[in-house]
Protein backbone atom coordinates (compact mmCIF):
# COMPACT_ATOMS: atom_id res chain seq x y z
CA MET A 1 103.57 90.26 118.64
CA ASP A 2 104.67 86.69 117.48
CA ASP A 3 104.22 84.96 114.10
CA SER A 4 100.61 83.39 115.08
CA ASP A 5 99.59 86.93 116.34
CA ALA A 6 100.81 88.39 113.20
CA ARG A 7 99.08 85.86 110.94
CA ARG A 8 95.91 85.99 112.60
CA ARG A 9 95.96 90.09 112.11
CA LEU A 10 97.04 89.84 108.72
CA GLU A 11 94.36 87.07 107.59
CA ARG A 12 91.65 89.33 109.25
CA LEU A 13 92.83 92.30 107.51
CA ARG A 14 92.74 90.33 104.37
CA GLU A 15 89.19 89.42 105.04
CA GLN A 16 88.42 92.73 105.55
CA THR A 17 90.26 94.14 102.51
CA VAL A 18 88.55 91.36 100.05
CA ALA A 19 85.22 92.46 101.61
CA GLY A 20 85.82 95.68 101.04
CA ILE A 21 86.79 94.90 97.33
CA ALA A 22 83.68 93.22 96.58
CA GLY A 23 81.77 96.15 98.19
CA ARG A 24 83.29 98.57 95.79
CA GLU A 25 82.99 96.16 92.87
CA ALA A 26 79.51 95.95 93.70
CA GLU A 27 78.93 99.71 94.03
CA LEU A 28 80.95 100.35 90.43
CA ALA A 29 78.40 97.73 89.10
CA GLY A 30 75.49 99.59 90.25
CA LEU A 31 76.80 102.74 89.14
CA MET A 32 77.53 101.49 85.72
CA ALA A 33 74.14 99.92 85.53
CA ALA A 34 72.32 103.43 86.61
CA SER A 35 74.36 105.05 83.68
CA ARG A 36 73.38 102.64 81.18
CA ASP A 37 69.63 102.68 82.19
CA SER A 38 69.61 106.66 82.19
CA ASN A 39 69.81 108.92 79.43
CA ALA A 40 72.58 110.65 81.29
CA ASP A 41 75.29 112.26 78.90
CA ASP A 42 78.44 112.93 80.99
CA GLU A 43 79.39 115.92 79.00
CA HIS A 44 75.96 117.79 78.93
CA ASP A 45 73.83 116.58 81.77
CA PRO A 46 74.41 118.06 85.30
CA GLU A 47 73.82 114.47 86.68
CA GLY A 48 76.36 112.68 84.12
CA ALA A 49 79.08 114.55 85.49
CA THR A 50 78.41 113.30 89.10
CA ILE A 51 77.84 109.86 87.99
CA GLY A 52 81.07 109.69 86.36
CA PHE A 53 83.06 111.14 89.37
CA GLU A 54 81.37 108.32 91.34
CA ARG A 55 82.36 105.69 89.17
CA ALA A 56 86.09 107.11 89.13
CA GLN A 57 85.99 107.58 92.84
CA ALA A 58 84.87 103.75 93.61
CA SER A 59 87.39 102.33 90.71
CA SER A 60 90.12 104.13 92.44
CA VAL A 61 89.17 102.76 95.73
CA ALA A 62 89.01 99.65 94.69
CA GLU A 63 92.26 99.67 92.88
CA GLY A 64 93.74 101.05 96.05
CA MET A 65 92.36 98.05 97.99
CA ARG A 66 93.78 95.54 95.41
CA MET A 67 97.02 97.11 96.10
CA ARG A 68 96.72 96.73 99.83
CA LEU A 69 95.49 93.24 99.25
CA ALA A 70 98.80 92.23 97.34
CA GLU A 71 100.78 93.86 100.31
CA ILE A 72 98.96 91.72 102.97
CA ASP A 73 99.46 88.45 100.76
CA ALA A 74 103.15 89.36 100.07
CA ALA A 75 103.46 89.85 104.18
CA LEU A 76 101.83 86.61 104.66
CA GLY A 77 104.33 85.00 102.30
CA ARG A 78 107.16 86.59 104.40
CA LEU A 79 105.66 84.91 107.25
CA ASP A 80 105.99 81.59 105.48
CA ALA A 81 109.24 82.27 104.51
CA GLY A 82 110.51 83.16 107.93
CA THR A 83 111.41 86.58 107.16
CA TYR A 84 108.28 88.64 108.30
CA GLY A 85 109.19 91.55 110.30
CA ARG A 86 112.81 92.09 108.95
CA CYS A 87 113.31 94.98 106.83
CA GLU A 88 114.14 94.10 103.23
CA ARG A 89 116.61 96.97 102.75
CA CYS A 90 119.00 96.78 105.92
CA GLY A 91 117.61 93.18 107.59
CA ARG A 92 117.28 94.70 110.92
CA ALA A 93 114.01 94.07 112.72
CA ILE A 94 110.92 96.31 111.97
CA ALA A 95 109.93 97.78 115.37
CA PRO A 96 106.71 96.35 116.87
CA ALA A 97 104.84 99.57 117.12
CA ARG A 98 105.48 99.87 113.36
CA LEU A 99 104.37 96.57 112.46
CA ALA A 100 101.30 97.21 114.90
CA ALA A 101 100.51 100.11 112.79
CA ARG A 102 101.29 98.59 109.50
CA PRO A 103 101.52 95.04 109.61
CA PHE A 104 102.49 94.53 106.12
CA ALA A 105 105.54 97.10 106.43
CA THR A 106 108.62 95.76 104.31
CA LEU A 107 111.02 98.67 105.59
CA CYS A 108 112.00 99.66 109.09
CA LEU A 109 111.62 103.48 109.78
CA ASP A 110 115.19 104.52 108.88
CA CYS A 111 114.85 102.97 105.79
CA GLN A 112 111.44 104.16 104.96
CA ALA A 113 112.50 107.82 105.86
CA GLU A 114 115.59 107.38 103.33
CA ALA A 115 113.42 105.93 100.66
CA GLY A 116 111.10 108.53 100.97
CA ARG A 117 113.85 111.28 100.31
């Protein structure tokens, strides 16, 4: 995959992630409005616990997407700097298959395995 293909893929992934964040934030806003408009008491109302769980889940998913967006933006920055596809730890090329699966990867498989220990 050359740099222009990588850029297109990362930009498409970025658009999808931004849309996903907007969706989760809208879902969260809806859940917040629903809980404000009801008499649900999260501690004593059986429905309250469900609303609280749904809020926590939507918030967690949105946070994960924001973290992914930061990874994508960093990968785009590496493309601009000419360092995309190089392991940040050892400097070797990251395998094309790894970049295809995880286009924002910063470590080669060997360094990732070492970091995971």
